[in-house]
PDB file of N, CA and C in Angstrom:
ATOM      1  N   MET A   1       0.812  -1.197   0.014  1.00  0.00           N
ATOM      2  CA  MET A   1      -0.004  -0.009  -0.015  1.00  0.00           C
ATOM      3  C   MET A   1       0.878   1.273   0.002  1.00  0.00           C
ATOM      4  N   ALA A   2       1.994   1.168   0.637  1.00  0.00           N
ATOM      5  CA  ALA A   2       2.926   2.317   0.664  1.00  0.00           C
ATOM      6  C   ALA A   2       3.428   2.620  -0.752  1.00  0.00           C
ATOM      7  N   SER A   3       3.680   1.510  -1.498  1.00  0.00           N
ATOM      8  CA  SER A   3       4.172   1.740  -2.857  1.00  0.00           C
ATOM      9  C   SER A   3       3.080   2.357  -3.727  1.00  0.00           C
ATOM     10  N   ASP A   4       1.829   1.940  -3.522  1.00  0.00           N
ATOM     11  CA  ASP A   4       0.737   2.568  -4.250  1.00  0.00           C
ATOM     12  C   ASP A   4       0.633   4.059  -3.907  1.00  0.00           C
ATOM     13  N   SER A   5       0.749   4.309  -2.615  1.00  0.00           N
ATOM     14  CA  SER A   5       0.665   5.692  -2.159  1.00  0.00           C
ATOM     15  C   SER A   5       1.823   6.522  -2.741  1.00  0.00           C
ATOM     16  N   GLY A   6       3.046   5.929  -2.791  1.00  0.00           N
ATOM     17  CA  GLY A   6       4.199   6.624  -3.360  1.00  0.00           C
ATOM     18  C   GLY A   6       4.008   6.910  -4.816  1.00  0.00           C
ATOM     19  N   GLN A   7       3.420   5.966  -5.557  1.00  0.00           N
ATOM     20  CA  GLN A   7       3.205   6.176  -6.975  1.00  0.00           C
ATOM     21  C   GLN A   7       2.157   7.270  -7.214  1.00  0.00           C
ATOM     22  N   VAL A   8       1.127   7.328  -6.373  1.00  0.00           N
ATOM     23  CA  VAL A   8       0.091   8.333  -6.539  1.00  0.00           C
ATOM     24  C   VAL A   8       0.718   9.707  -6.294  1.00  0.00           C
ATOM     25  N   VAL A   9       1.582   9.831  -5.286  1.00  0.00           N
ATOM     26  CA  VAL A   9       2.223  11.080  -4.980  1.00  0.00           C
ATOM     27  C   VAL A   9       3.112  11.543  -6.146  1.00  0.00           C
ATOM     28  N   VAL A  10       3.823  10.603  -6.705  1.00  0.00           N
ATOM     29  CA  VAL A  10       4.686  10.895  -7.839  1.00  0.00           C
ATOM     30  C   VAL A  10       3.846  11.378  -8.988  1.00  0.00           C
ATOM     31  N   MET A  11       2.756  10.725  -9.249  1.00  0.00           N
ATOM     32  CA  MET A  11       1.903  11.099 -10.347  1.00  0.00           C
ATOM     33  C   MET A  11       1.262  12.471 -10.109  1.00  0.00           C
ATOM     34  N   LYS A  12       0.896  12.733  -8.861  1.00  0.00           N
ATOM     35  CA  LYS A  12       0.327  14.029  -8.546  1.00  0.00           C
ATOM     36  C   LYS A  12       1.368  15.132  -8.743  1.00  0.00           C
ATOM     37  N   ARG A  13       2.604  14.869  -8.478  1.00  0.00           N
ATOM     38  CA  ARG A  13       3.653  15.871  -8.659  1.00  0.00           C
ATOM     39  C   ARG A  13       3.833  16.163 -10.140  1.00  0.00           C
ATOM     40  N   HIS A  14       3.607  15.196 -11.008  1.00  0.00           N
ATOM     41  CA  HIS A  14       3.796  15.395 -12.431  1.00  0.00           C
ATOM     42  C   HIS A  14       2.590  16.028 -13.101  1.00  0.00           C
ATOM     43  N   ARG A  15       1.437  15.971 -12.491  1.00  0.00           N
ATOM     44  CA  ARG A  15       0.233  16.556 -13.099  1.00  0.00           C
ATOM     45  C   ARG A  15       0.380  18.052 -13.372  1.00  0.00           C
ATOM     46  N   PRO A  16       0.860  18.853 -12.410  1.00  0.00           N
ATOM     47  CA  PRO A  16       0.990  20.284 -12.686  1.00  0.00           C
ATOM     48  C   PRO A  16       2.005  20.535 -13.829  1.00  0.00           C
ATOM     49  N   VAL A  17       3.058  19.738 -13.866  1.00  0.00           N
ATOM     50  CA  VAL A  17       4.073  19.897 -14.910  1.00  0.00           C
ATOM     51  C   VAL A  17       3.442  19.594 -16.248  1.00  0.00           C
ATOM     52  N   ALA A  18       2.679  18.527 -16.346  1.00  0.00           N
ATOM     53  CA  ALA A  18       2.021  18.143 -17.593  1.00  0.00           C
ATOM     54  C   ALA A  18       1.008  19.187 -17.997  1.00  0.00           C
ATOM     55  N   ALA A  19       0.266  19.733 -17.041  1.00  0.00           N
ATOM     56  CA  ALA A  19      -0.725  20.745 -17.351  1.00  0.00           C
ATOM     57  C   ALA A  19      -0.055  22.020 -17.865  1.00  0.00           C
ATOM     58  N   VAL A  20       1.031  22.408 -17.233  1.00  0.00           N
ATOM     59  CA  VAL A  20       1.760  23.591 -17.656  1.00  0.00           C
ATOM     60  C   VAL A  20       2.328  23.354 -19.044  1.00  0.00           C
ATOM     61  N   ALA A  21       2.867  22.191 -19.263  1.00  0.00           N
ATOM     62  CA  ALA A  21       3.430  21.868 -20.576  1.00  0.00           C
ATOM     63  C   ALA A  21       2.352  21.892 -21.642  1.00  0.00           C
ATOM     64  N   ALA A  22       1.179  21.379 -21.325  1.00  0.00           N
ATOM     65  CA  ALA A  22       0.080  21.358 -22.299  1.00  0.00           C
ATOM     66  C   ALA A  22      -0.393  22.783 -22.583  1.00  0.00           C
ATOM     67  N   LEU A  23      -0.495  23.605 -21.571  1.00  0.00           N
ATOM     68  CA  LEU A  23      -0.904  25.000 -21.786  1.00  0.00           C
ATOM     69  C   LEU A  23       0.156  25.776 -22.609  1.00  0.00           C
ATOM     70  N   ALA A  24       1.441  25.531 -22.320  1.00  0.00           N
ATOM     71  CA  ALA A  24       2.499  26.171 -23.053  1.00  0.00           C
ATOM     72  C   ALA A  24       2.452  25.756 -24.525  1.00  0.00           C
ATOM     73  N   TRP A  25       2.215  24.483 -24.778  1.00  0.00           N
ATOM     74  CA  TRP A  25       2.131  23.993 -26.157  1.00  0.00           C
ATOM     75  C   TRP A  25       0.939  24.620 -26.878  1.00  0.00           C
ATOM     76  N   MET A  26      -0.196  24.709 -26.220  1.00  0.00           N
ATOM     77  CA  MET A  26      -1.360  25.319 -26.855  1.00  0.00           C
ATOM     78  C   MET A  26      -1.120  26.810 -27.157  1.00  0.00           C
ATOM     79  N   ALA A  27      -0.473  27.511 -26.234  1.00  0.00           N
ATOM     80  CA  ALA A  27      -0.166  28.914 -26.432  1.00  0.00           C
ATOM     81  C   ALA A  27       0.800  29.099 -27.584  1.00  0.00           C
ATOM     82  N   LEU A  28       1.798  28.206 -27.686  1.00  0.00           N
ATOM     83  CA  LEU A  28       2.751  28.244 -28.790  1.00  0.00           C
ATOM     84  C   LEU A  28       2.073  28.036 -30.113  1.00  0.00           C
ATOM     85  N   VAL A  29       1.230  27.019 -30.179  1.00  0.00           N
ATOM     86  CA  VAL A  29       0.516  26.734 -31.454  1.00  0.00           C
ATOM     87  C   VAL A  29      -0.383  27.894 -31.812  1.00  0.00           C
ATOM     88  N   ALA A  30      -1.125  28.425 -30.840  1.00  0.00           N
ATOM     89  CA  ALA A  30      -2.018  29.582 -31.128  1.00  0.00           C
ATOM     90  C   ALA A  30      -1.207  30.788 -31.580  1.00  0.00           C
ATOM     91  N   GLY A  31      -0.093  31.020 -30.940  1.00  0.00           N
ATOM     92  CA  GLY A  31       0.759  32.125 -31.329  1.00  0.00           C
ATOM     93  C   GLY A  31       1.315  31.972 -32.707  1.00  0.00           C
ATOM     94  N   CYS A  32       1.719  30.775 -33.053  1.00  0.00           N
ATOM     95  CA  CYS A  32       2.333  30.488 -34.357  1.00  0.00           C
ATOM     96  C   CYS A  32       1.282  30.715 -35.464  1.00  0.00           C
ATOM     97  N   LEU A  33       0.034  30.443 -35.175  1.00  0.00           N
ATOM     98  CA  LEU A  33      -0.994  30.610 -36.215  1.00  0.00           C
ATOM     99  C   LEU A  33      -1.152  32.084 -36.568  1.00  0.00           C
ATOM    100  N   ALA A  34      -0.892  32.956 -35.621  1.00  0.00           N
ATOM    101  CA  ALA A  34      -1.065  34.401 -35.847  1.00  0.00           C
ATOM    102  C   ALA A  34       0.201  35.056 -36.341  1.00  0.00           C
ATOM    103  N   MET A  35       1.308  34.355 -36.379  1.00  0.00           N
ATOM    104  CA  MET A  35       2.603  34.946 -36.771  1.00  0.00           C
ATOM    105  C   MET A  35       2.836  34.929 -38.270  1.00  0.00           C
ATOM    106  N   ARG A  36       3.939  35.563 -38.647  1.00  0.00           N
ATOM    107  CA  ARG A  36       4.371  35.554 -40.037  1.00  0.00           C
ATOM    108  C   ARG A  36       4.781  34.127 -40.416  1.00  0.00           C
ATOM    109  N   PRO A  37       4.918  33.908 -41.711  1.00  0.00           N
ATOM    110  CA  PRO A  37       5.387  32.614 -42.166  1.00  0.00           C
ATOM    111  C   PRO A  37       6.744  32.258 -41.571  1.00  0.00           C
ATOM    112  N   LEU A  38       6.998  30.971 -41.349  1.00  0.00           N
ATOM    113  CA  LEU A  38       8.217  30.555 -40.738  1.00  0.00           C
ATOM    114  C   LEU A  38       9.472  30.993 -41.513  1.00  0.00           C
ATOM    115  N   SER A  39       9.389  30.976 -42.848  1.00  0.00           N
ATOM    116  CA  SER A  39      10.552  31.382 -43.636  1.00  0.00           C
ATOM    117  C   SER A  39      10.912  32.833 -43.344  1.00  0.00           C
ATOM    118  N   GLU A  40       9.936  33.722 -43.169  1.00  0.00           N
ATOM    119  CA  GLU A  40      10.264  35.117 -42.862  1.00  0.00           C
ATOM    120  C   GLU A  40      10.922  35.231 -41.482  1.00  0.00           C
ATOM    121  N   MET A  41      10.419  34.428 -40.525  1.00  0.00           N
ATOM    122  CA  MET A  41      10.968  34.443 -39.178  1.00  0.00           C
ATOM    123  C   MET A  41      12.413  33.951 -39.186  1.00  0.00           C
ATOM    124  N   ILE A  42      12.654  32.909 -39.945  1.00  0.00           N
ATOM    125  CA  ILE A  42      13.994  32.333 -40.007  1.00  0.00           C
ATOM    126  C   ILE A  42      14.958  33.369 -40.652  1.00  0.00           C
ATOM    127  N   ASP A  43      14.509  34.015 -41.747  1.00  0.00           N
ATOM    128  CA  ASP A  43      15.362  34.999 -42.422  1.00  0.00           C
ATOM    129  C   ASP A  43      15.678  36.160 -41.431  1.00  0.00           C
ATOM    130  N   GLN A  44      14.710  36.590 -40.665  1.00  0.00           N
ATOM    131  CA  GLN A  44      14.949  37.667 -39.727  1.00  0.00           C
ATOM    132  C   GLN A  44      15.908  37.231 -38.632  1.00  0.00           C
ATOM    133  N   GLU A  45      15.772  36.024 -38.118  1.00  0.00           N
ATOM    134  CA  GLU A  45      16.659  35.550 -37.076  1.00  0.00           C
ATOM    135  C   GLU A  45      18.075  35.375 -37.559  1.00  0.00           C
ATOM    136  N   VAL A  46      18.228  34.874 -38.806  1.00  0.00           N
ATOM    137  CA  VAL A  46      19.579  34.760 -39.402  1.00  0.00           C
ATOM    138  C   VAL A  46      20.193  36.152 -39.493  1.00  0.00           C
ATOM    139  N   TYR A  47      19.408  37.121 -39.946  1.00  0.00           N
ATOM    140  CA  TYR A  47      19.922  38.493 -40.039  1.00  0.00           C
ATOM    141  C   TYR A  47      20.363  39.002 -38.683  1.00  0.00           C
ATOM    142  N   LYS A  48      19.538  38.812 -37.649  1.00  0.00           N
ATOM    143  CA  LYS A  48      19.887  39.302 -36.337  1.00  0.00           C
ATOM    144  C   LYS A  48      21.128  38.617 -35.781  1.00  0.00           C
ATOM    145  N   LEU A  49      21.210  37.303 -35.975  1.00  0.00           N
ATOM    146  CA  LEU A  49      22.328  36.527 -35.396  1.00  0.00           C
ATOM    147  C   LEU A  49      23.639  36.716 -36.180  1.00  0.00           C
ATOM    148  N   LYS A  50      23.551  36.722 -37.495  1.00  0.00           N
ATOM    149  CA  LYS A  50      24.756  36.765 -38.302  1.00  0.00           C
ATOM    150  C   LYS A  50      25.214  38.186 -38.687  1.00  0.00           C
ATOM    151  N   CYS A  51      24.255  39.086 -38.825  1.00  0.00           N
ATOM    152  CA  CYS A  51      24.607  40.396 -39.365  1.00  0.00           C
ATOM    153  C   CYS A  51      24.538  41.517 -38.356  1.00  0.00           C
ATOM    154  N   GLY A  52      24.205  41.226 -37.131  1.00  0.00           N
ATOM    155  CA  GLY A  52      24.076  42.278 -36.210  1.00  0.00           C
ATOM    156  C   GLY A  52      24.485  41.929 -34.790  1.00  0.00           C
ATOM    157  N   THR A  53      25.524  41.168 -34.637  1.00  0.00           N
ATOM    158  CA  THR A  53      25.948  40.752 -33.277  1.00  0.00           C
ATOM    159  C   THR A  53      27.401  41.095 -32.993  1.00  0.00           C
ATOM    160  N   ARG A  54      28.254  40.822 -33.924  1.00  0.00           N
ATOM    161  CA  ARG A  54      29.708  40.958 -33.657  1.00  0.00           C
ATOM    162  C   ARG A  54      30.199  42.374 -33.833  1.00  0.00           C
ATOM    163  N   CYS A  55      29.897  43.006 -34.950  1.00  0.00           N
ATOM    164  CA  CYS A  55      30.496  44.299 -35.274  1.00  0.00           C
ATOM    165  C   CYS A  55      29.550  45.468 -35.056  1.00  0.00           C
ATOM    166  N   HIS A  56      28.251  45.270 -35.210  1.00  0.00           N
ATOM    167  CA  HIS A  56      27.289  46.377 -35.114  1.00  0.00           C
ATOM    168  C   HIS A  56      25.928  45.803 -34.787  1.00  0.00           C
ATOM    169  N   PRO A  57      25.051  46.650 -34.267  1.00  0.00           N
ATOM    170  CA  PRO A  57      23.647  46.153 -34.057  1.00  0.00           C
ATOM    171  C   PRO A  57      22.962  46.007 -35.410  1.00  0.00           C
ATOM    172  N   PRO A  58      21.917  45.213 -35.491  1.00  0.00           N
ATOM    173  CA  PRO A  58      21.229  45.066 -36.759  1.00  0.00           C
ATOM    174  C   PRO A  58      20.617  46.389 -37.170  1.00  0.00           C
ATOM    175  N   HIS A  59      20.697  46.710 -38.462  1.00  0.00           N
ATOM    176  CA  HIS A  59      20.137  47.927 -38.998  1.00  0.00           C
ATOM    177  C   HIS A  59      18.678  47.723 -39.315  1.00  0.00           C
ATOM    178  N   SER A  60      17.907  48.782 -39.307  1.00  0.00           N
ATOM    179  CA  SER A  60      16.499  48.722 -39.718  1.00  0.00           C
ATOM    180  C   SER A  60      16.422  48.387 -41.194  1.00  0.00           C
ATOM    181  N   PRO A  61      15.508  47.554 -41.605  1.00  0.00           N
ATOM    182  CA  PRO A  61      15.337  47.271 -43.022  1.00  0.00           C
ATOM    183  C   PRO A  61      15.074  48.535 -43.857  1.00  0.00           C
ATOM    184  N   ALA A  62      14.534  49.578 -43.238  1.00  0.00           N
ATOM    185  CA  ALA A  62      14.206  50.842 -43.922  1.00  0.00           C
ATOM    186  C   ALA A  62      15.432  51.649 -44.265  1.00  0.00           C
ATOM    187  N   LYS A  63      16.552  51.247 -43.727  1.00  0.00           N
ATOM    188  CA  LYS A  63      17.794  52.058 -43.896  1.00  0.00           C
ATOM    189  C   LYS A  63      18.255  52.130 -45.343  1.00  0.00           C
ATOM    190  N   HIS A  64      18.053  51.065 -46.122  1.00  0.00           N
ATOM    191  CA  HIS A  64      18.529  51.033 -47.501  1.00  0.00           C
ATOM    192  C   HIS A  64      17.411  50.623 -48.462  1.00  0.00           C
ATOM    193  N   SER A  65      17.595  50.964 -49.717  1.00  0.00           N
ATOM    194  CA  SER A  65      16.692  50.521 -50.769  1.00  0.00           C
ATOM    195  C   SER A  65      16.949  49.026 -51.063  1.00  0.00           C
ATOM    196  N   ASP A  66      16.063  48.439 -51.864  1.00  0.00           N
ATOM    197  CA  ASP A  66      16.235  47.026 -52.250  1.00  0.00           C
ATOM    198  C   ASP A  66      17.595  46.781 -52.917  1.00  0.00           C
ATOM    199  N   THR A  67      17.952  47.669 -53.832  1.00  0.00           N
ATOM    200  CA  THR A  67      19.202  47.496 -54.536  1.00  0.00           C
ATOM    201  C   THR A  67      20.400  47.648 -53.578  1.00  0.00           C
ATOM    202  N   GLU A  68      20.318  48.653 -52.693  1.00  0.00           N
ATOM    203  CA  GLU A  68      21.393  48.841 -51.721  1.00  0.00           C
ATOM    204  C   GLU A  68      21.534  47.646 -50.784  1.00  0.00           C
ATOM    205  N   TRP A  69      20.395  47.105 -50.309  1.00  0.00           N
ATOM    206  CA  TRP A  69      20.477  45.950 -49.416  1.00  0.00           C
ATOM    207  C   TRP A  69      21.142  44.775 -50.115  1.00  0.00           C
ATOM    208  N   ARG A  70      20.761  44.538 -51.378  1.00  0.00           N
ATOM    209  CA  ARG A  70      21.379  43.409 -52.112  1.00  0.00           C
ATOM    210  C   ARG A  70      22.890  43.578 -52.146  1.00  0.00           C
ATOM    211  N   SER A  71      23.339  44.810 -52.440  1.00  0.00           N
ATOM    212  CA  SER A  71      24.766  45.021 -52.529  1.00  0.00           C
ATOM    213  C   SER A  71      25.433  44.909 -51.158  1.00  0.00           C
ATOM    214  N   VAL A  72      24.860  45.498 -50.137  1.00  0.00           N
ATOM    215  CA  VAL A  72      25.430  45.443 -48.778  1.00  0.00           C
ATOM    216  C   VAL A  72      25.548  44.009 -48.259  1.00  0.00           C
ATOM    217  N   VAL A  73      24.434  43.268 -48.413  1.00  0.00           N
ATOM    218  CA  VAL A  73      24.443  41.899 -47.870  1.00  0.00           C
ATOM    219  C   VAL A  73      25.406  41.032 -48.652  1.00  0.00           C
ATOM    220  N   HIS A  74      25.477  41.170 -49.962  1.00  0.00           N
ATOM    221  CA  HIS A  74      26.441  40.349 -50.717  1.00  0.00           C
ATOM    222  C   HIS A  74      27.899  40.698 -50.387  1.00  0.00           C
ATOM    223  N   ARG A  75      28.123  41.982 -50.097  1.00  0.00           N
ATOM    224  CA  ARG A  75      29.490  42.411 -49.696  1.00  0.00           C
ATOM    225  C   ARG A  75      29.854  41.911 -48.311  1.00  0.00           C
ATOM    226  N   MET A  76      28.879  41.866 -47.376  1.00  0.00           N
ATOM    227  CA  MET A  76      29.158  41.469 -45.999  1.00  0.00           C
ATOM    228  C   MET A  76      29.003  40.000 -45.738  1.00  0.00           C
ATOM    229  N   ALA A  77      28.372  39.259 -46.649  1.00  0.00           N
ATOM    230  CA  ALA A  77      28.105  37.819 -46.413  1.00  0.00           C
ATOM    231  C   ALA A  77      29.335  37.012 -46.054  1.00  0.00           C
ATOM    232  N   PRO A  78      30.464  37.162 -46.757  1.00  0.00           N
ATOM    233  CA  PRO A  78      31.634  36.364 -46.373  1.00  0.00           C
ATOM    234  C   PRO A  78      32.122  36.670 -44.939  1.00  0.00           C
ATOM    235  N   LYS A  79      32.049  37.936 -44.545  1.00  0.00           N
ATOM    236  CA  LYS A  79      32.478  38.310 -43.175  1.00  0.00           C
ATOM    237  C   LYS A  79      31.546  37.731 -42.142  1.00  0.00           C
ATOM    238  N   SER A  80      30.269  37.579 -42.503  1.00  0.00           N
ATOM    239  CA  SER A  80      29.262  37.082 -41.539  1.00  0.00           C
ATOM    240  C   SER A  80      29.157  35.584 -41.558  1.00  0.00           C
ATOM    241  N   GLY A  81      29.780  34.920 -42.523  1.00  0.00           N
ATOM    242  CA  GLY A  81      29.709  33.468 -42.641  1.00  0.00           C
ATOM    243  C   GLY A  81      28.400  32.986 -43.210  1.00  0.00           C
ATOM    244  N   LEU A  82      27.756  33.787 -44.081  1.00  0.00           N
ATOM    245  CA  LEU A  82      26.492  33.399 -44.690  1.00  0.00           C
ATOM    246  C   LEU A  82      26.764  32.570 -45.961  1.00  0.00           C
ATOM    247  N   ASP A  83      26.072  31.475 -46.097  1.00  0.00           N
ATOM    248  CA  ASP A  83      26.163  30.727 -47.353  1.00  0.00           C
ATOM    249  C   ASP A  83      25.183  31.362 -48.318  1.00  0.00           C
ATOM    250  N   SER A  84      25.078  30.836 -49.534  1.00  0.00           N
ATOM    251  CA  SER A  84      24.256  31.464 -50.562  1.00  0.00           C
ATOM    252  C   SER A  84      22.744  31.462 -50.173  1.00  0.00           C
ATOM    253  N   ALA A  85      22.281  30.389 -49.565  1.00  0.00           N
ATOM    254  CA  ALA A  85      20.870  30.298 -49.152  1.00  0.00           C
ATOM    255  C   ALA A  85      20.574  31.305 -48.061  1.00  0.00           C
ATOM    256  N   ALA A  86      21.421  31.416 -47.071  1.00  0.00           N
ATOM    257  CA  ALA A  86      21.235  32.365 -45.970  1.00  0.00           C
ATOM    258  C   ALA A  86      21.313  33.791 -46.490  1.00  0.00           C
ATOM    259  N   THR A  87      22.254  34.042 -47.420  1.00  0.00           N
ATOM    260  CA  THR A  87      22.373  35.360 -48.007  1.00  0.00           C
ATOM    261  C   THR A  87      21.087  35.725 -48.721  1.00  0.00           C
ATOM    262  N   ALA A  88      20.540  34.860 -49.518  1.00  0.00           N
ATOM    263  CA  ALA A  88      19.277  35.116 -50.230  1.00  0.00           C
ATOM    264  C   ALA A  88      18.146  35.378 -49.231  1.00  0.00           C
ATOM    265  N   GLY A  89      18.110  34.618 -48.155  1.00  0.00           N
ATOM    266  CA  GLY A  89      17.072  34.795 -47.132  1.00  0.00           C
ATOM    267  C   GLY A  89      17.188  36.145 -46.421  1.00  0.00           C
ATOM    268  N   VAL A  90      18.395  36.560 -46.111  1.00  0.00           N
ATOM    269  CA  VAL A  90      18.592  37.872 -45.437  1.00  0.00           C
ATOM    270  C   VAL A  90      18.182  38.959 -46.399  1.00  0.00           C
ATOM    271  N   VAL A  91      18.586  38.890 -47.643  1.00  0.00           N
ATOM    272  CA  VAL A  91      18.173  39.898 -48.623  1.00  0.00           C
ATOM    273  C   VAL A  91      16.668  39.920 -48.748  1.00  0.00           C
ATOM    274  N   ARG A  92      16.056  38.758 -48.804  1.00  0.00           N
ATOM    275  CA  ARG A  92      14.588  38.648 -48.906  1.00  0.00           C
ATOM    276  C   ARG A  92      13.905  39.331 -47.728  1.00  0.00           C
ATOM    277  N   TYR A  93      14.394  39.054 -46.517  1.00  0.00           N
ATOM    278  CA  TYR A  93      13.837  39.639 -45.295  1.00  0.00           C
ATOM    279  C   TYR A  93      13.956  41.205 -45.364  1.00  0.00           C
ATOM    280  N   LEU A  94      15.169  41.695 -45.643  1.00  0.00           N
ATOM    281  CA  LEU A  94      15.379  43.117 -45.636  1.00  0.00           C
ATOM    282  C   LEU A  94      14.556  43.842 -46.729  1.00  0.00           C
ATOM    283  N   GLN A  95      14.423  43.237 -47.871  1.00  0.00           N
ATOM    284  CA  GLN A  95      13.637  43.830 -48.948  1.00  0.00           C
ATOM    285  C   GLN A  95      12.127  43.743 -48.683  1.00  0.00           C
ATOM    286  N   THR A  96      11.688  42.698 -48.013  1.00  0.00           N
ATOM    287  CA  THR A  96      10.293  42.560 -47.662  1.00  0.00           C
ATOM    288  C   THR A  96       9.834  43.620 -46.667  1.00  0.00           C
ATOM    289  N   PHE A  97      10.687  43.896 -45.683  1.00  0.00           N
ATOM    290  CA  PHE A  97      10.293  44.840 -44.616  1.00  0.00           C
ATOM    291  C   PHE A  97      10.941  46.204 -44.813  1.00  0.00           C
ATOM    292  N   ASN A  98      11.486  46.475 -45.960  1.00  0.00           N
ATOM    293  CA  ASN A  98      12.085  47.735 -46.305  1.00  0.00           C
ATOM    294  C   ASN A  98      10.955  48.640 -46.799  1.00  0.00           C
ATOM    295  N   THR A  99      10.664  49.673 -46.016  1.00  0.00           N
ATOM    296  CA  THR A  99       9.612  50.602 -46.435  1.00  0.00           C
ATOM    297  C   THR A  99      10.223  51.997 -46.623  1.00  0.00           C
ATOM    298  N   PRO A 100       9.822  52.714 -47.620  1.00  0.00           N
ATOM    299  CA  PRO A 100      10.375  54.032 -47.823  1.00  0.00           C
ATOM    300  C   PRO A 100       9.911  54.993 -46.720  1.00  0.00           C
ATOM    301  N   GLU A 101      10.659  56.057 -46.574  1.00  0.00           N
ATOM    302  CA  GLU A 101      10.311  57.063 -45.579  1.00  0.00           C
ATOM    303  C   GLU A 101       8.968  57.690 -45.976  1.00  0.00           C
ATOM    304  N   PRO A 102       8.149  58.074 -44.980  1.00  0.00           N
ATOM    305  CA  PRO A 102       6.902  58.780 -45.299  1.00  0.00           C
ATOM    306  C   PRO A 102       7.218  60.091 -46.019  1.00  0.00           C
ATOM    307  N   PRO A 103       6.372  60.489 -46.976  1.00  0.00           N
ATOM    308  CA  PRO A 103       6.670  61.728 -47.734  1.00  0.00           C
ATOM    309  C   PRO A 103       6.859  62.941 -46.843  1.00  0.00           C
ATOM    310  N   GLU A 104       6.090  63.116 -45.764  1.00  0.00           N
ATOM    311  CA  GLU A 104       6.234  64.284 -44.921  1.00  0.00           C
ATOM    312  C   GLU A 104       7.602  64.334 -44.245  1.00  0.00           C
ATOM    313  N   HIS A 105       8.177  63.172 -43.938  1.00  0.00           N
ATOM    314  CA  HIS A 105       9.497  63.133 -43.330  1.00  0.00           C
ATOM    315  C   HIS A 105      10.564  63.537 -44.356  1.00  0.00           C
ATOM    316  N   ALA A 106      10.427  63.045 -45.556  1.00  0.00           N
ATOM    317  CA  ALA A 106      11.390  63.413 -46.613  1.00  0.00           C
ATOM    318  C   ALA A 106      11.291  64.848 -46.943  1.00  0.00           C
ATOM    319  N   ALA A 107      10.054  65.432 -46.950  1.00  0.00           N
ATOM    320  CA  ALA A 107       9.912  66.845 -47.276  1.00  0.00           C
ATOM    321  C   ALA A 107      10.507  67.705 -46.186  1.00  0.00           C
ATOM    322  N   SER A 108      10.346  67.305 -44.931  1.00  0.00           N
ATOM    323  CA  SER A 108      10.941  68.128 -43.847  1.00  0.00           C
ATOM    324  C   SER A 108      12.455  68.094 -43.899  1.00  0.00           C
ATOM    325  N   ASP A 109      13.031  66.937 -44.349  1.00  0.00           N
ATOM    326  CA  ASP A 109      14.484  66.884 -44.472  1.00  0.00           C
ATOM    327  C   ASP A 109      14.950  67.823 -45.571  1.00  0.00           C
ATOM    328  N   SER A 110      14.259  67.825 -46.709  1.00  0.00           N
ATOM    329  CA  SER A 110      14.695  68.666 -47.817  1.00  0.00           C
ATOM    330  C   SER A 110      14.486  70.134 -47.482  1.00  0.00           C
ATOM    331  N   ALA A 111      13.497  70.440 -46.662  1.00  0.00           N
ATOM    332  CA  ALA A 111      13.241  71.847 -46.255  1.00  0.00           C
ATOM    333  C   ALA A 111      14.382  72.369 -45.416  1.00  0.00           C
ATOM    334  N   ARG A 112      15.093  71.494 -44.708  1.00  0.00           N
ATOM    335  CA  ARG A 112      16.198  71.908 -43.858  1.00  0.00           C
ATOM    336  C   ARG A 112      17.509  72.093 -44.633  1.00  0.00           C
ATOM    337  N   LEU A 113      17.546  71.601 -45.850  1.00  0.00           N
ATOM    338  CA  LEU A 113      18.775  71.729 -46.621  1.00  0.00           C
ATOM    339  C   LEU A 113      18.963  73.188 -47.060  1.00  0.00           C
ATOM    340  N   PRO A 114      20.211  73.664 -47.052  1.00  0.00           N
ATOM    341  CA  PRO A 114      20.433  75.024 -47.496  1.00  0.00           C
ATOM    342  C   PRO A 114      20.153  75.175 -48.981  1.00  0.00           C
ATOM    343  N   VAL A 115      19.639  76.307 -49.349  1.00  0.00           N
ATOM    344  CA  VAL A 115      19.351  76.572 -50.731  1.00  0.00           C
ATOM    345  C   VAL A 115      20.600  77.123 -51.390  1.00  0.00           C
ATOM    346  N   GLN A 116      20.997  76.529 -52.501  1.00  0.00           N
ATOM    347  CA  GLN A 116      22.199  77.002 -53.202  1.00  0.00           C
ATOM    348  C   GLN A 116      21.803  77.736 -54.462  1.00  0.00           C
ATOM    349  N   ASP A 117      22.391  78.889 -54.660  1.00  0.00           N
ATOM    350  CA  ASP A 117      22.118  79.694 -55.868  1.00  0.00           C
ATOM    351  C   ASP A 117      23.046  79.363 -56.986  1.00  0.00           C
TER     352      ASP A 117
END
């Protein structure tokens, strides 16, 4: 009877762990359904890990145009240890989330430039 009692206690100790694990799994699945596609997340993580950890923080995708990002990433890929697939993914991520500056911001910048005669 002691062994039965011991097994029940052991099982009771594992129930909260199993319940927490099940809830965590359900939250993960629900969260993943609302997230971006996995390929975009992987491209972003590769960018953060390989291109923005050792020498500089990761730059905003809006910092460069599509053409500039392609050039920058291909130039920096050997230094970052990116293979061709990872390079293509990083370029894809940066170009996907690269948005031009709002027109009002660009206009205010040009308004600050000195006028040359």
